[in-house]
N, C-alpha and C. Protein backbone atom coordinates (compact mmCIF):
# COMPACT_ATOMS: atom_id res chain seq x y z
N MET A 1 48.63 -72.88 50.34
CA MET A 1 49.16 -73.72 51.42
C MET A 1 48.08 -73.95 52.46
N SER A 2 47.85 -75.20 52.87
CA SER A 2 46.79 -75.51 53.81
C SER A 2 47.14 -75.04 55.22
N LYS A 3 46.10 -74.96 56.06
CA LYS A 3 46.33 -74.55 57.44
C LYS A 3 47.20 -75.57 58.16
N LEU A 4 46.98 -76.86 57.87
CA LEU A 4 47.76 -77.90 58.51
C LEU A 4 49.24 -77.77 58.17
N SER A 5 49.55 -77.52 56.91
CA SER A 5 50.94 -77.41 56.51
C SER A 5 51.59 -76.18 57.13
N LYS A 6 50.84 -75.09 57.29
CA LYS A 6 51.37 -73.90 57.95
C LYS A 6 51.73 -74.21 59.39
N ARG A 7 50.85 -74.93 60.08
CA ARG A 7 51.11 -75.29 61.47
C ARG A 7 52.31 -76.22 61.57
N THR A 8 52.42 -77.15 60.63
CA THR A 8 53.55 -78.08 60.64
C THR A 8 54.86 -77.34 60.47
N ILE A 9 54.89 -76.38 59.57
CA ILE A 9 56.10 -75.57 59.35
C ILE A 9 56.45 -74.79 60.62
N ALA A 10 55.44 -74.20 61.26
CA ALA A 10 55.67 -73.44 62.49
C ALA A 10 56.22 -74.34 63.59
N VAL A 11 55.64 -75.54 63.72
CA VAL A 11 56.09 -76.48 64.75
C VAL A 11 57.53 -76.91 64.50
N LEU A 12 57.84 -77.22 63.25
CA LEU A 12 59.20 -77.64 62.91
C LEU A 12 60.21 -76.52 63.15
N ALA A 13 59.79 -75.28 62.88
CA ALA A 13 60.68 -74.14 63.11
C ALA A 13 60.98 -73.98 64.60
N VAL A 14 59.93 -74.07 65.42
CA VAL A 14 60.11 -73.95 66.87
C VAL A 14 60.97 -75.09 67.40
N LEU A 15 60.70 -76.31 66.94
CA LEU A 15 61.49 -77.46 67.37
C LEU A 15 62.96 -77.30 66.99
N SER A 16 63.21 -76.87 65.80
CA SER A 16 64.59 -76.72 65.32
C SER A 16 65.35 -75.69 66.15
N VAL A 17 64.74 -74.53 66.34
CA VAL A 17 65.40 -73.48 67.11
C VAL A 17 65.63 -73.92 68.55
N THR A 18 64.63 -74.60 69.14
CA THR A 18 64.75 -75.05 70.52
C THR A 18 65.89 -76.04 70.68
N PHE A 19 65.98 -77.02 69.79
CA PHE A 19 67.04 -78.01 69.91
C PHE A 19 68.42 -77.42 69.61
N ILE A 20 68.47 -76.42 68.77
CA ILE A 20 69.74 -75.72 68.54
C ILE A 20 70.21 -75.04 69.83
N ILE A 21 69.25 -74.42 70.53
CA ILE A 21 69.60 -73.75 71.79
C ILE A 21 70.01 -74.76 72.85
N PHE A 22 69.30 -75.91 72.91
CA PHE A 22 69.70 -76.97 73.84
C PHE A 22 71.13 -77.42 73.55
N GLY A 23 71.43 -77.60 72.26
CA GLY A 23 72.77 -78.01 71.87
C GLY A 23 73.82 -76.96 72.24
N TYR A 24 73.47 -75.70 72.00
CA TYR A 24 74.38 -74.61 72.34
C TYR A 24 74.65 -74.57 73.84
N ALA A 25 73.57 -74.67 74.64
CA ALA A 25 73.72 -74.61 76.10
C ALA A 25 74.58 -75.76 76.60
N PHE A 26 74.39 -76.96 76.03
CA PHE A 26 75.16 -78.13 76.47
C PHE A 26 76.64 -77.97 76.12
N LEU A 27 76.90 -77.55 74.88
CA LEU A 27 78.29 -77.39 74.46
C LEU A 27 78.98 -76.24 75.16
N GLN A 28 78.30 -75.08 75.20
CA GLN A 28 78.93 -73.88 75.74
C GLN A 28 79.15 -73.98 77.24
N TYR A 29 78.11 -74.39 77.97
CA TYR A 29 78.21 -74.37 79.43
C TYR A 29 78.54 -75.74 80.03
N GLY A 30 78.25 -76.81 79.29
CA GLY A 30 78.54 -78.14 79.81
C GLY A 30 79.89 -78.67 79.40
N ILE A 31 80.33 -78.34 78.19
CA ILE A 31 81.60 -78.87 77.67
C ILE A 31 82.73 -77.84 77.79
N PHE A 32 82.53 -76.67 77.19
CA PHE A 32 83.59 -75.67 77.16
C PHE A 32 83.71 -74.86 78.46
N GLY A 33 82.60 -74.68 79.16
CA GLY A 33 82.62 -73.92 80.41
C GLY A 33 82.11 -72.51 80.23
N ALA A 34 81.54 -71.96 81.30
CA ALA A 34 80.89 -70.65 81.24
C ALA A 34 81.87 -69.53 80.88
N LYS A 35 83.13 -69.66 81.29
CA LYS A 35 84.09 -68.58 81.04
C LYS A 35 84.35 -68.36 79.56
N GLN A 36 84.07 -69.36 78.75
CA GLN A 36 84.29 -69.24 77.31
C GLN A 36 83.13 -68.56 76.59
N ALA A 37 82.01 -68.37 77.29
CA ALA A 37 80.85 -67.73 76.68
C ALA A 37 81.11 -66.23 76.53
N ALA A 38 80.64 -65.65 75.44
CA ALA A 38 80.91 -64.24 75.17
C ALA A 38 80.31 -63.33 76.24
N LEU A 39 79.09 -63.65 76.69
CA LEU A 39 78.44 -62.83 77.71
C LEU A 39 79.22 -62.85 79.03
N VAL A 40 79.73 -64.02 79.39
CA VAL A 40 80.49 -64.15 80.64
C VAL A 40 81.85 -63.49 80.49
N ASP A 41 82.48 -63.67 79.35
CA ASP A 41 83.79 -63.05 79.10
C ASP A 41 83.72 -61.54 79.22
N PHE A 42 82.61 -60.96 78.77
CA PHE A 42 82.44 -59.51 78.88
C PHE A 42 82.38 -59.09 80.35
N LYS A 43 81.72 -59.89 81.18
CA LYS A 43 81.63 -59.56 82.61
C LYS A 43 82.98 -59.71 83.30
N LEU A 44 83.75 -60.70 82.89
CA LEU A 44 85.04 -60.95 83.53
C LEU A 44 86.02 -59.80 83.34
N LYS A 45 85.77 -58.94 82.36
CA LYS A 45 86.64 -57.78 82.13
C LYS A 45 86.43 -56.69 83.19
N ASN A 46 85.31 -56.81 83.93
CA ASN A 46 85.02 -55.87 85.01
C ASN A 46 85.70 -56.35 86.29
N PRO A 47 86.65 -55.59 86.85
CA PRO A 47 87.38 -56.05 88.04
C PRO A 47 86.49 -56.19 89.27
N ASP A 48 85.32 -55.56 89.28
CA ASP A 48 84.41 -55.65 90.42
C ASP A 48 83.47 -56.85 90.34
N PHE A 49 83.55 -57.59 89.23
CA PHE A 49 82.66 -58.73 89.06
C PHE A 49 83.25 -59.96 89.74
N HIS A 50 82.43 -60.65 90.54
CA HIS A 50 82.85 -61.86 91.25
C HIS A 50 82.24 -63.08 90.57
N TYR A 51 83.11 -63.92 90.02
CA TYR A 51 82.67 -65.07 89.23
C TYR A 51 81.87 -66.07 90.07
N ARG A 52 82.29 -66.25 91.30
CA ARG A 52 81.56 -67.12 92.23
C ARG A 52 80.99 -66.25 93.35
N PRO A 53 79.71 -66.46 93.76
CA PRO A 53 78.82 -67.59 93.43
C PRO A 53 77.96 -67.36 92.18
N TRP A 54 78.23 -66.28 91.44
CA TRP A 54 77.39 -65.94 90.28
C TRP A 54 77.26 -67.10 89.31
N VAL A 55 78.38 -67.80 89.04
CA VAL A 55 78.35 -68.85 88.03
C VAL A 55 77.45 -70.02 88.45
N TYR A 56 77.42 -70.34 89.77
CA TYR A 56 76.57 -71.44 90.23
C TYR A 56 75.09 -71.09 90.09
N ILE A 57 74.78 -69.84 90.34
CA ILE A 57 73.40 -69.39 90.17
C ILE A 57 73.04 -69.38 88.69
N LEU A 58 74.01 -69.02 87.83
CA LEU A 58 73.78 -69.05 86.40
C LEU A 58 73.42 -70.46 85.93
N TYR A 59 74.16 -71.46 86.40
CA TYR A 59 73.88 -72.84 86.00
C TYR A 59 72.51 -73.30 86.50
N THR A 60 72.13 -72.85 87.68
CA THR A 60 70.79 -73.17 88.19
C THR A 60 69.72 -72.60 87.27
N HIS A 61 69.93 -71.35 86.85
CA HIS A 61 68.99 -70.70 85.93
C HIS A 61 68.93 -71.42 84.58
N ILE A 62 70.08 -71.81 84.06
CA ILE A 62 70.13 -72.48 82.76
C ILE A 62 69.43 -73.83 82.82
N ILE A 63 69.74 -74.62 83.85
CA ILE A 63 69.17 -75.97 83.96
C ILE A 63 67.65 -75.92 84.12
N THR A 64 67.18 -75.11 85.06
CA THR A 64 65.73 -75.03 85.28
C THR A 64 65.02 -74.40 84.10
N GLY A 65 65.67 -73.41 83.46
CA GLY A 65 65.07 -72.80 82.28
C GLY A 65 64.96 -73.78 81.13
N CYS A 66 65.97 -74.63 80.93
CA CYS A 66 65.92 -75.64 79.86
C CYS A 66 64.86 -76.69 80.15
N ILE A 67 64.71 -77.06 81.42
CA ILE A 67 63.65 -78.01 81.79
C ILE A 67 62.28 -77.44 81.43
N ALA A 68 62.05 -76.18 81.79
CA ALA A 68 60.77 -75.54 81.48
C ALA A 68 60.58 -75.41 79.98
N LEU A 69 61.65 -75.08 79.26
CA LEU A 69 61.56 -74.93 77.81
C LEU A 69 61.18 -76.24 77.14
N GLY A 70 61.80 -77.34 77.56
CA GLY A 70 61.52 -78.64 76.98
C GLY A 70 60.13 -79.14 77.32
N ILE A 71 59.75 -79.04 78.60
CA ILE A 71 58.43 -79.51 79.02
C ILE A 71 57.33 -78.68 78.37
N GLY A 72 57.52 -77.37 78.35
CA GLY A 72 56.50 -76.50 77.76
C GLY A 72 56.27 -76.83 76.30
N LEU A 73 57.36 -77.08 75.56
CA LEU A 73 57.23 -77.42 74.15
C LEU A 73 56.51 -78.75 73.98
N TYR A 74 56.85 -79.73 74.83
CA TYR A 74 56.20 -81.05 74.77
C TYR A 74 54.70 -80.92 75.04
N GLN A 75 54.35 -80.17 76.08
CA GLN A 75 52.95 -79.98 76.42
C GLN A 75 52.20 -79.20 75.33
N LEU A 76 52.91 -78.30 74.70
CA LEU A 76 52.31 -77.49 73.64
C LEU A 76 51.90 -78.34 72.45
N LEU A 77 52.69 -79.39 72.14
CA LEU A 77 52.49 -80.15 70.92
C LEU A 77 51.64 -81.41 71.11
N ARG A 78 51.46 -81.87 72.34
CA ARG A 78 50.74 -83.12 72.55
C ARG A 78 49.27 -82.87 72.86
N ARG A 79 48.48 -83.93 72.75
CA ARG A 79 47.07 -83.90 73.10
C ARG A 79 46.82 -84.93 74.19
N PRO A 80 46.64 -84.52 75.45
CA PRO A 80 46.43 -85.49 76.52
C PRO A 80 45.11 -86.23 76.32
N GLN A 81 45.19 -87.58 76.28
CA GLN A 81 44.01 -88.40 76.15
C GLN A 81 44.13 -89.59 77.09
N GLY A 82 43.06 -89.88 77.81
CA GLY A 82 43.08 -91.01 78.72
C GLY A 82 43.65 -90.66 80.07
N ALA A 83 43.39 -91.50 81.05
CA ALA A 83 43.79 -91.22 82.44
C ALA A 83 45.30 -91.18 82.60
N LYS A 84 46.03 -92.12 81.95
CA LYS A 84 47.47 -92.16 82.11
C LYS A 84 48.13 -90.93 81.52
N ARG A 85 47.69 -90.54 80.34
CA ARG A 85 48.27 -89.35 79.71
C ARG A 85 47.95 -88.10 80.50
N THR A 86 46.73 -88.02 81.04
CA THR A 86 46.34 -86.86 81.84
C THR A 86 47.19 -86.77 83.09
N SER A 87 47.47 -87.93 83.72
CA SER A 87 48.31 -87.97 84.92
C SER A 87 49.72 -87.47 84.60
N LEU A 88 50.27 -87.92 83.47
CA LEU A 88 51.60 -87.45 83.04
C LEU A 88 51.57 -85.96 82.77
N HIS A 89 50.50 -85.53 82.15
CA HIS A 89 50.33 -84.11 81.83
C HIS A 89 50.38 -83.25 83.09
N ARG A 90 49.68 -83.69 84.13
CA ARG A 90 49.67 -82.94 85.39
C ARG A 90 51.02 -82.95 86.06
N MET A 91 51.69 -84.10 86.04
CA MET A 91 53.01 -84.20 86.67
C MET A 91 54.01 -83.27 85.97
N LEU A 92 54.00 -83.29 84.65
CA LEU A 92 54.90 -82.42 83.90
C LEU A 92 54.54 -80.95 84.10
N GLY A 93 53.23 -80.68 84.26
CA GLY A 93 52.80 -79.32 84.51
C GLY A 93 53.37 -78.77 85.81
N LYS A 94 53.38 -79.61 86.83
CA LYS A 94 53.95 -79.19 88.12
C LYS A 94 55.44 -78.93 87.99
N LEU A 95 56.14 -79.84 87.28
CA LEU A 95 57.58 -79.67 87.09
C LEU A 95 57.88 -78.41 86.30
N TYR A 96 57.04 -78.12 85.30
CA TYR A 96 57.18 -76.89 84.51
C TYR A 96 57.06 -75.66 85.41
N ALA A 97 56.02 -75.64 86.23
CA ALA A 97 55.76 -74.47 87.08
C ALA A 97 56.86 -74.27 88.11
N TYR A 98 57.30 -75.37 88.75
CA TYR A 98 58.35 -75.25 89.77
C TYR A 98 59.69 -74.85 89.13
N SER A 99 59.96 -75.35 87.94
CA SER A 99 61.20 -74.98 87.24
C SER A 99 61.22 -73.48 86.95
N ILE A 100 60.08 -72.95 86.53
CA ILE A 100 59.99 -71.51 86.24
C ILE A 100 60.15 -70.71 87.52
N LEU A 101 59.52 -71.16 88.59
CA LEU A 101 59.62 -70.43 89.86
C LEU A 101 61.08 -70.32 90.29
N ILE A 102 61.80 -71.44 90.25
CA ILE A 102 63.21 -71.44 90.65
C ILE A 102 64.04 -70.59 89.70
N SER A 103 63.83 -70.80 88.39
CA SER A 103 64.63 -70.09 87.39
C SER A 103 64.41 -68.59 87.47
N ALA A 104 63.16 -68.17 87.65
CA ALA A 104 62.86 -66.73 87.71
C ALA A 104 63.43 -66.10 88.98
N ILE A 105 63.36 -66.82 90.09
CA ILE A 105 63.87 -66.27 91.35
C ILE A 105 65.39 -66.09 91.29
N VAL A 106 66.11 -67.11 90.82
CA VAL A 106 67.57 -66.97 90.75
C VAL A 106 67.96 -65.95 89.69
N ASN A 107 67.11 -65.78 88.69
CA ASN A 107 67.43 -64.79 87.65
C ASN A 107 67.32 -63.36 88.17
N ILE A 108 66.57 -63.16 89.26
CA ILE A 108 66.53 -61.84 89.88
C ILE A 108 67.93 -61.46 90.36
N TYR A 109 68.62 -62.43 90.94
CA TYR A 109 70.00 -62.20 91.36
C TYR A 109 70.89 -61.92 90.15
N LEU A 110 70.75 -62.74 89.12
CA LEU A 110 71.56 -62.55 87.91
C LEU A 110 71.29 -61.20 87.26
N SER A 111 70.05 -60.74 87.36
CA SER A 111 69.68 -59.46 86.75
C SER A 111 70.42 -58.30 87.38
N LEU A 112 70.79 -58.45 88.65
CA LEU A 112 71.53 -57.39 89.32
C LEU A 112 72.89 -57.16 88.66
N TYR A 113 73.41 -58.18 87.99
CA TYR A 113 74.72 -58.10 87.36
C TYR A 113 74.62 -58.10 85.84
N ALA A 114 73.43 -57.81 85.32
CA ALA A 114 73.23 -57.83 83.87
C ALA A 114 74.07 -56.76 83.19
N SER A 115 74.66 -57.13 82.06
CA SER A 115 75.38 -56.14 81.25
C SER A 115 74.37 -55.18 80.65
N GLY A 116 74.82 -53.98 80.36
CA GLY A 116 73.92 -53.01 79.74
C GLY A 116 73.29 -52.02 80.69
N GLY A 117 73.71 -52.04 81.97
CA GLY A 117 73.23 -51.03 82.91
C GLY A 117 71.79 -51.24 83.36
N TRP A 118 71.21 -50.16 83.89
CA TRP A 118 69.89 -50.26 84.52
C TRP A 118 68.79 -50.59 83.51
N LEU A 119 68.96 -50.21 82.26
CA LEU A 119 67.94 -50.52 81.25
C LEU A 119 67.81 -52.03 81.07
N ALA A 120 68.93 -52.71 80.95
CA ALA A 120 68.89 -54.17 80.81
C ALA A 120 68.40 -54.82 82.09
N ARG A 121 68.84 -54.31 83.24
CA ARG A 121 68.39 -54.89 84.52
C ARG A 121 66.88 -54.76 84.66
N THR A 122 66.35 -53.60 84.32
CA THR A 122 64.90 -53.39 84.41
C THR A 122 64.16 -54.34 83.48
N ALA A 123 64.71 -54.58 82.30
CA ALA A 123 64.09 -55.50 81.34
C ALA A 123 64.00 -56.91 81.93
N PHE A 124 65.08 -57.36 82.55
CA PHE A 124 65.09 -58.72 83.10
C PHE A 124 64.25 -58.82 84.37
N PHE A 125 64.24 -57.77 85.19
CA PHE A 125 63.35 -57.75 86.35
C PHE A 125 61.89 -57.87 85.92
N THR A 126 61.54 -57.10 84.89
CA THR A 126 60.16 -57.13 84.37
C THR A 126 59.83 -58.51 83.82
N LEU A 127 60.77 -59.09 83.08
CA LEU A 127 60.59 -60.43 82.54
C LEU A 127 60.34 -61.44 83.66
N ASP A 128 61.16 -61.40 84.71
CA ASP A 128 61.01 -62.34 85.82
C ASP A 128 59.64 -62.21 86.48
N PHE A 129 59.21 -60.97 86.70
CA PHE A 129 57.90 -60.73 87.33
C PHE A 129 56.77 -61.28 86.47
N LEU A 130 56.81 -60.97 85.18
CA LEU A 130 55.75 -61.43 84.28
C LEU A 130 55.79 -62.94 84.08
N TRP A 131 56.98 -63.51 84.10
CA TRP A 131 57.14 -64.96 83.95
C TRP A 131 56.45 -65.70 85.09
N ILE A 132 56.69 -65.24 86.31
CA ILE A 132 56.04 -65.85 87.47
C ILE A 132 54.54 -65.59 87.44
N LEU A 133 54.14 -64.36 87.11
CA LEU A 133 52.73 -63.99 87.10
C LEU A 133 51.93 -64.81 86.09
N THR A 134 52.41 -64.90 84.86
CA THR A 134 51.66 -65.63 83.83
C THR A 134 51.57 -67.12 84.15
N THR A 135 52.64 -67.68 84.69
CA THR A 135 52.62 -69.10 85.06
C THR A 135 51.67 -69.33 86.22
N PHE A 136 51.68 -68.43 87.21
CA PHE A 136 50.76 -68.53 88.35
C PHE A 136 49.31 -68.48 87.88
N LYS A 137 49.02 -67.56 86.95
CA LYS A 137 47.65 -67.44 86.43
C LYS A 137 47.25 -68.72 85.69
N ALA A 138 48.18 -69.29 84.92
CA ALA A 138 47.89 -70.53 84.20
C ALA A 138 47.59 -71.66 85.18
N VAL A 139 48.38 -71.76 86.25
CA VAL A 139 48.16 -72.77 87.28
C VAL A 139 46.81 -72.55 87.97
N GLN A 140 46.53 -71.31 88.29
CA GLN A 140 45.29 -70.95 88.98
C GLN A 140 44.07 -71.41 88.17
N PHE A 141 44.07 -71.13 86.87
CA PHE A 141 42.94 -71.51 86.04
C PHE A 141 42.88 -73.02 85.83
N ALA A 142 44.04 -73.69 85.84
CA ALA A 142 44.04 -75.15 85.73
C ALA A 142 43.38 -75.77 86.96
N ARG A 143 43.69 -75.26 88.13
CA ARG A 143 43.08 -75.76 89.36
C ARG A 143 41.56 -75.54 89.37
N ARG A 144 41.14 -74.45 88.77
CA ARG A 144 39.70 -74.15 88.70
C ARG A 144 39.02 -74.88 87.55
N LYS A 145 39.83 -75.63 86.76
CA LYS A 145 39.32 -76.37 85.60
C LYS A 145 38.71 -75.44 84.55
N GLN A 146 39.22 -74.22 84.48
CA GLN A 146 38.80 -73.28 83.43
C GLN A 146 39.81 -73.40 82.29
N LEU A 147 39.55 -74.40 81.43
CA LEU A 147 40.54 -74.82 80.45
C LEU A 147 40.94 -73.72 79.48
N GLU A 148 39.98 -72.99 78.93
CA GLU A 148 40.29 -71.99 77.92
C GLU A 148 41.16 -70.88 78.50
N SER A 149 40.83 -70.41 79.70
CA SER A 149 41.65 -69.38 80.35
C SER A 149 43.04 -69.92 80.66
N HIS A 150 43.11 -71.17 81.07
CA HIS A 150 44.39 -71.82 81.35
C HIS A 150 45.27 -71.84 80.09
N ILE A 151 44.67 -72.21 78.96
CA ILE A 151 45.41 -72.27 77.70
C ILE A 151 45.94 -70.90 77.31
N ARG A 152 45.11 -69.87 77.45
CA ARG A 152 45.54 -68.52 77.08
C ARG A 152 46.75 -68.07 77.90
N TRP A 153 46.70 -68.35 79.21
CA TRP A 153 47.81 -67.92 80.06
C TRP A 153 49.05 -68.78 79.85
N MET A 154 48.84 -70.03 79.39
CA MET A 154 49.99 -70.86 79.07
C MET A 154 50.72 -70.35 77.84
N TYR A 155 49.98 -69.83 76.87
CA TYR A 155 50.64 -69.20 75.73
C TYR A 155 51.55 -68.07 76.21
N ARG A 156 51.03 -67.25 77.10
CA ARG A 156 51.82 -66.12 77.62
C ARG A 156 53.02 -66.61 78.42
N SER A 157 52.80 -67.61 79.27
CA SER A 157 53.88 -68.16 80.08
C SER A 157 54.99 -68.72 79.20
N TYR A 158 54.61 -69.52 78.20
CA TYR A 158 55.64 -70.14 77.37
C TYR A 158 56.34 -69.11 76.47
N ALA A 159 55.62 -68.06 76.11
CA ALA A 159 56.25 -66.98 75.34
C ALA A 159 57.42 -66.39 76.12
N LEU A 160 57.24 -66.25 77.42
CA LEU A 160 58.30 -65.71 78.27
C LEU A 160 59.38 -66.76 78.54
N THR A 161 58.99 -68.03 78.64
CA THR A 161 59.97 -69.11 78.76
C THR A 161 60.89 -69.13 77.55
N PHE A 162 60.33 -68.82 76.39
CA PHE A 162 61.08 -68.85 75.13
C PHE A 162 61.98 -67.63 74.97
N ALA A 163 61.92 -66.69 75.91
CA ALA A 163 62.73 -65.47 75.81
C ALA A 163 64.22 -65.77 75.79
N GLY A 164 64.63 -66.82 76.50
CA GLY A 164 66.05 -67.19 76.51
C GLY A 164 66.53 -67.59 75.12
N VAL A 165 65.65 -68.24 74.37
CA VAL A 165 65.98 -68.61 72.99
C VAL A 165 66.04 -67.35 72.12
N SER A 166 65.02 -66.51 72.28
CA SER A 166 64.95 -65.28 71.47
C SER A 166 66.16 -64.38 71.70
N LEU A 167 66.62 -64.30 72.96
CA LEU A 167 67.76 -63.46 73.28
C LEU A 167 68.99 -63.86 72.47
N ARG A 168 69.18 -65.17 72.33
CA ARG A 168 70.36 -65.66 71.62
C ARG A 168 70.23 -65.58 70.11
N ILE A 169 69.03 -65.21 69.66
CA ILE A 169 68.84 -64.94 68.23
C ILE A 169 68.95 -63.44 67.96
N VAL A 170 68.30 -62.65 68.81
CA VAL A 170 68.24 -61.20 68.60
C VAL A 170 69.60 -60.54 68.85
N LEU A 171 70.32 -60.99 69.88
CA LEU A 171 71.58 -60.33 70.25
C LEU A 171 72.62 -60.37 69.13
N PRO A 172 72.92 -61.53 68.53
CA PRO A 172 73.90 -61.52 67.43
C PRO A 172 73.46 -60.65 66.25
N LEU A 173 72.16 -60.66 65.97
CA LEU A 173 71.66 -59.83 64.88
C LEU A 173 71.83 -58.34 65.20
N SER A 174 71.55 -57.98 66.46
CA SER A 174 71.68 -56.58 66.89
C SER A 174 73.12 -56.11 66.86
N MET A 175 74.04 -57.03 67.15
CA MET A 175 75.45 -56.68 67.18
C MET A 175 76.03 -56.45 65.78
N MET A 176 75.26 -56.79 64.76
CA MET A 176 75.70 -56.50 63.40
C MET A 176 75.62 -55.02 63.09
N VAL A 177 74.77 -54.31 63.84
CA VAL A 177 74.57 -52.88 63.56
C VAL A 177 74.91 -52.00 64.77
N SER A 178 75.35 -52.63 65.87
CA SER A 178 75.62 -51.85 67.08
C SER A 178 76.69 -52.53 67.91
N GLU A 179 77.27 -51.78 68.84
CA GLU A 179 78.22 -52.36 69.79
C GLU A 179 77.48 -53.22 70.80
N PHE A 180 78.24 -53.98 71.59
CA PHE A 180 77.63 -54.99 72.46
C PHE A 180 76.61 -54.42 73.44
N GLU A 181 76.97 -53.41 74.22
CA GLU A 181 76.08 -52.94 75.28
C GLU A 181 74.76 -52.37 74.75
N PRO A 182 74.77 -51.47 73.75
CA PRO A 182 73.48 -51.03 73.20
C PRO A 182 72.67 -52.18 72.61
N ALA A 183 73.36 -53.11 71.96
CA ALA A 183 72.67 -54.27 71.39
C ALA A 183 72.06 -55.13 72.49
N TYR A 184 72.76 -55.25 73.60
CA TYR A 184 72.27 -56.07 74.71
C TYR A 184 71.07 -55.42 75.38
N ARG A 185 71.08 -54.09 75.51
CA ARG A 185 69.92 -53.40 76.07
C ARG A 185 68.68 -53.63 75.21
N PHE A 186 68.87 -53.47 73.91
CA PHE A 186 67.75 -53.69 72.98
C PHE A 186 67.26 -55.14 73.06
N SER A 187 68.18 -56.08 73.08
CA SER A 187 67.83 -57.49 73.10
C SER A 187 67.14 -57.89 74.40
N ALA A 188 67.56 -57.27 75.52
CA ALA A 188 66.98 -57.59 76.82
C ALA A 188 65.48 -57.30 76.86
N TRP A 189 65.05 -56.28 76.15
CA TRP A 189 63.62 -55.95 76.07
C TRP A 189 62.92 -56.71 74.96
N SER A 190 63.49 -56.70 73.78
CA SER A 190 62.80 -57.27 72.61
C SER A 190 62.68 -58.79 72.69
N CYS A 191 63.58 -59.47 73.42
CA CYS A 191 63.56 -60.94 73.44
C CYS A 191 62.28 -61.49 74.06
N TRP A 192 61.64 -60.71 74.94
CA TRP A 192 60.38 -61.21 75.52
C TRP A 192 59.17 -60.39 75.08
N MET A 193 59.35 -59.12 74.74
CA MET A 193 58.21 -58.32 74.31
C MET A 193 57.64 -58.82 72.98
N VAL A 194 58.50 -59.15 72.05
CA VAL A 194 58.04 -59.67 70.76
C VAL A 194 57.32 -61.00 70.96
N ASN A 195 57.87 -61.84 71.84
CA ASN A 195 57.22 -63.13 72.13
C ASN A 195 55.82 -62.94 72.69
N LEU A 196 55.66 -61.97 73.59
CA LEU A 196 54.35 -61.71 74.17
C LEU A 196 53.36 -61.20 73.13
N ILE A 197 53.85 -60.39 72.21
CA ILE A 197 52.99 -59.88 71.13
C ILE A 197 52.47 -61.05 70.29
N VAL A 198 53.36 -61.99 69.98
CA VAL A 198 52.96 -63.17 69.22
C VAL A 198 51.94 -63.99 70.01
N ALA A 199 52.19 -64.15 71.32
CA ALA A 199 51.26 -64.90 72.16
C ALA A 199 49.88 -64.24 72.19
N GLU A 200 49.86 -62.92 72.30
CA GLU A 200 48.58 -62.21 72.32
C GLU A 200 47.85 -62.33 70.98
N TRP A 201 48.61 -62.39 69.90
CA TRP A 201 47.99 -62.60 68.59
C TRP A 201 47.33 -63.97 68.51
N ILE A 202 48.01 -64.99 69.07
CA ILE A 202 47.43 -66.34 69.10
C ILE A 202 46.19 -66.37 69.97
N VAL A 203 46.25 -65.71 71.14
CA VAL A 203 45.09 -65.65 72.03
C VAL A 203 43.92 -64.95 71.33
N TYR A 204 44.24 -63.88 70.62
CA TYR A 204 43.19 -63.15 69.89
C TYR A 204 42.53 -64.05 68.85
N ARG A 205 43.34 -64.82 68.14
CA ARG A 205 42.78 -65.75 67.14
C ARG A 205 41.91 -66.81 67.80
N ARG A 206 42.34 -67.30 68.95
CA ARG A 206 41.53 -68.30 69.66
C ARG A 206 40.19 -67.71 70.07
N ARG A 207 40.20 -66.47 70.55
CA ARG A 207 38.95 -65.85 70.96
C ARG A 207 38.01 -65.67 69.78
N ARG A 208 38.57 -65.25 68.65
CA ARG A 208 37.75 -65.11 67.44
C ARG A 208 37.21 -66.46 67.00
N GLY A 209 38.08 -67.48 67.07
CA GLY A 209 37.66 -68.81 66.66
C GLY A 209 36.60 -69.40 67.57
N SER A 210 36.67 -69.04 68.88
CA SER A 210 35.70 -69.59 69.83
C SER A 210 34.30 -69.03 69.60
N ARG A 211 34.22 -67.90 68.88
CA ARG A 211 32.90 -67.33 68.58
C ARG A 211 32.23 -68.07 67.43
N GLY A 212 33.08 -68.78 66.66
CA GLY A 212 32.53 -69.54 65.54
C GLY A 212 32.87 -71.00 65.70
N THR A 213 33.42 -71.58 64.67
CA THR A 213 33.81 -72.97 64.74
C THR A 213 35.19 -73.09 65.35
N HIS A 214 35.51 -74.30 65.85
CA HIS A 214 36.82 -74.55 66.44
C HIS A 214 37.90 -74.48 65.36
N ASN A 215 39.01 -73.85 65.67
CA ASN A 215 40.11 -73.71 64.71
C ASN A 215 41.19 -74.74 65.01
N PRO A 216 41.30 -75.86 64.25
CA PRO A 216 42.26 -76.91 64.55
C PRO A 216 43.69 -76.52 64.23
N SER A 217 43.89 -75.38 63.55
CA SER A 217 45.26 -74.99 63.19
C SER A 217 46.04 -74.44 64.37
N LEU A 218 45.32 -74.10 65.45
CA LEU A 218 46.00 -73.57 66.64
C LEU A 218 46.33 -74.70 67.59
N PRO A 219 47.57 -74.76 68.10
CA PRO A 219 47.92 -75.77 69.07
C PRO A 219 47.18 -75.56 70.38
N GLN A 220 47.08 -76.61 71.18
CA GLN A 220 46.31 -76.56 72.42
C GLN A 220 47.22 -76.83 73.61
N PRO A 221 48.02 -75.85 74.04
CA PRO A 221 48.94 -76.11 75.14
C PRO A 221 48.20 -76.13 76.47
N THR A 222 48.39 -77.19 77.24
CA THR A 222 47.77 -77.26 78.55
C THR A 222 48.77 -77.88 79.51
N VAL A 223 49.20 -77.13 80.48
CA VAL A 223 50.10 -77.65 81.50
C VAL A 223 49.29 -77.77 82.78
N GLY A 224 48.60 -78.86 82.92
CA GLY A 224 47.62 -78.99 83.99
C GLY A 224 48.24 -79.23 85.34
N ILE A 225 47.70 -78.59 86.35
CA ILE A 225 48.12 -78.80 87.73
C ILE A 225 46.86 -78.92 88.56
N GLN A 226 46.63 -80.09 89.10
CA GLN A 226 45.42 -80.33 89.88
C GLN A 226 45.77 -80.54 91.34
């Protein structure tokens, strides 16, 4: 199998999973309502849980997270060429960064009410911190026009952006062998740690490739902010 075909399969897999999650988020939270979601229903069983204003903050997190997920994927797959495309690239980069900033900040509040106790809360707090940090570093290197460093940090940033997708894959699988709360604790950590490991593997390959010839099989994500 050629390198190009491997990359095509990987891209199609990511696209498919992403659009499935977009569809799920629209149907579950836009059509049926948050109360019908399994995660929310579990919280509603707790008499000390207050549905409002938590639900409004949840929707803010979902909307901004989906914006970042979509923009990041688009930037990951495209090749900016020419002044007009570069201008669009920068504009989308700013929207990506601001969406993450908002989503991560409101998620700190949501993390306080995370199911699974302090272990799950710590996982989401750590995720929020790293999400902001990696995106800030990517923006910083973009402003300095250090393209390769910018690309590496964008891999890390988008890996954490993709954690919301991973959570909805890992959690149902974990619940096949465990009850909800232990499965949720495991998923809260693994949904972003595995993504980061994959991102670091890609960064490692880029570094190896930069010592020799350019490797066209690796995507070139750049979310430029000037």
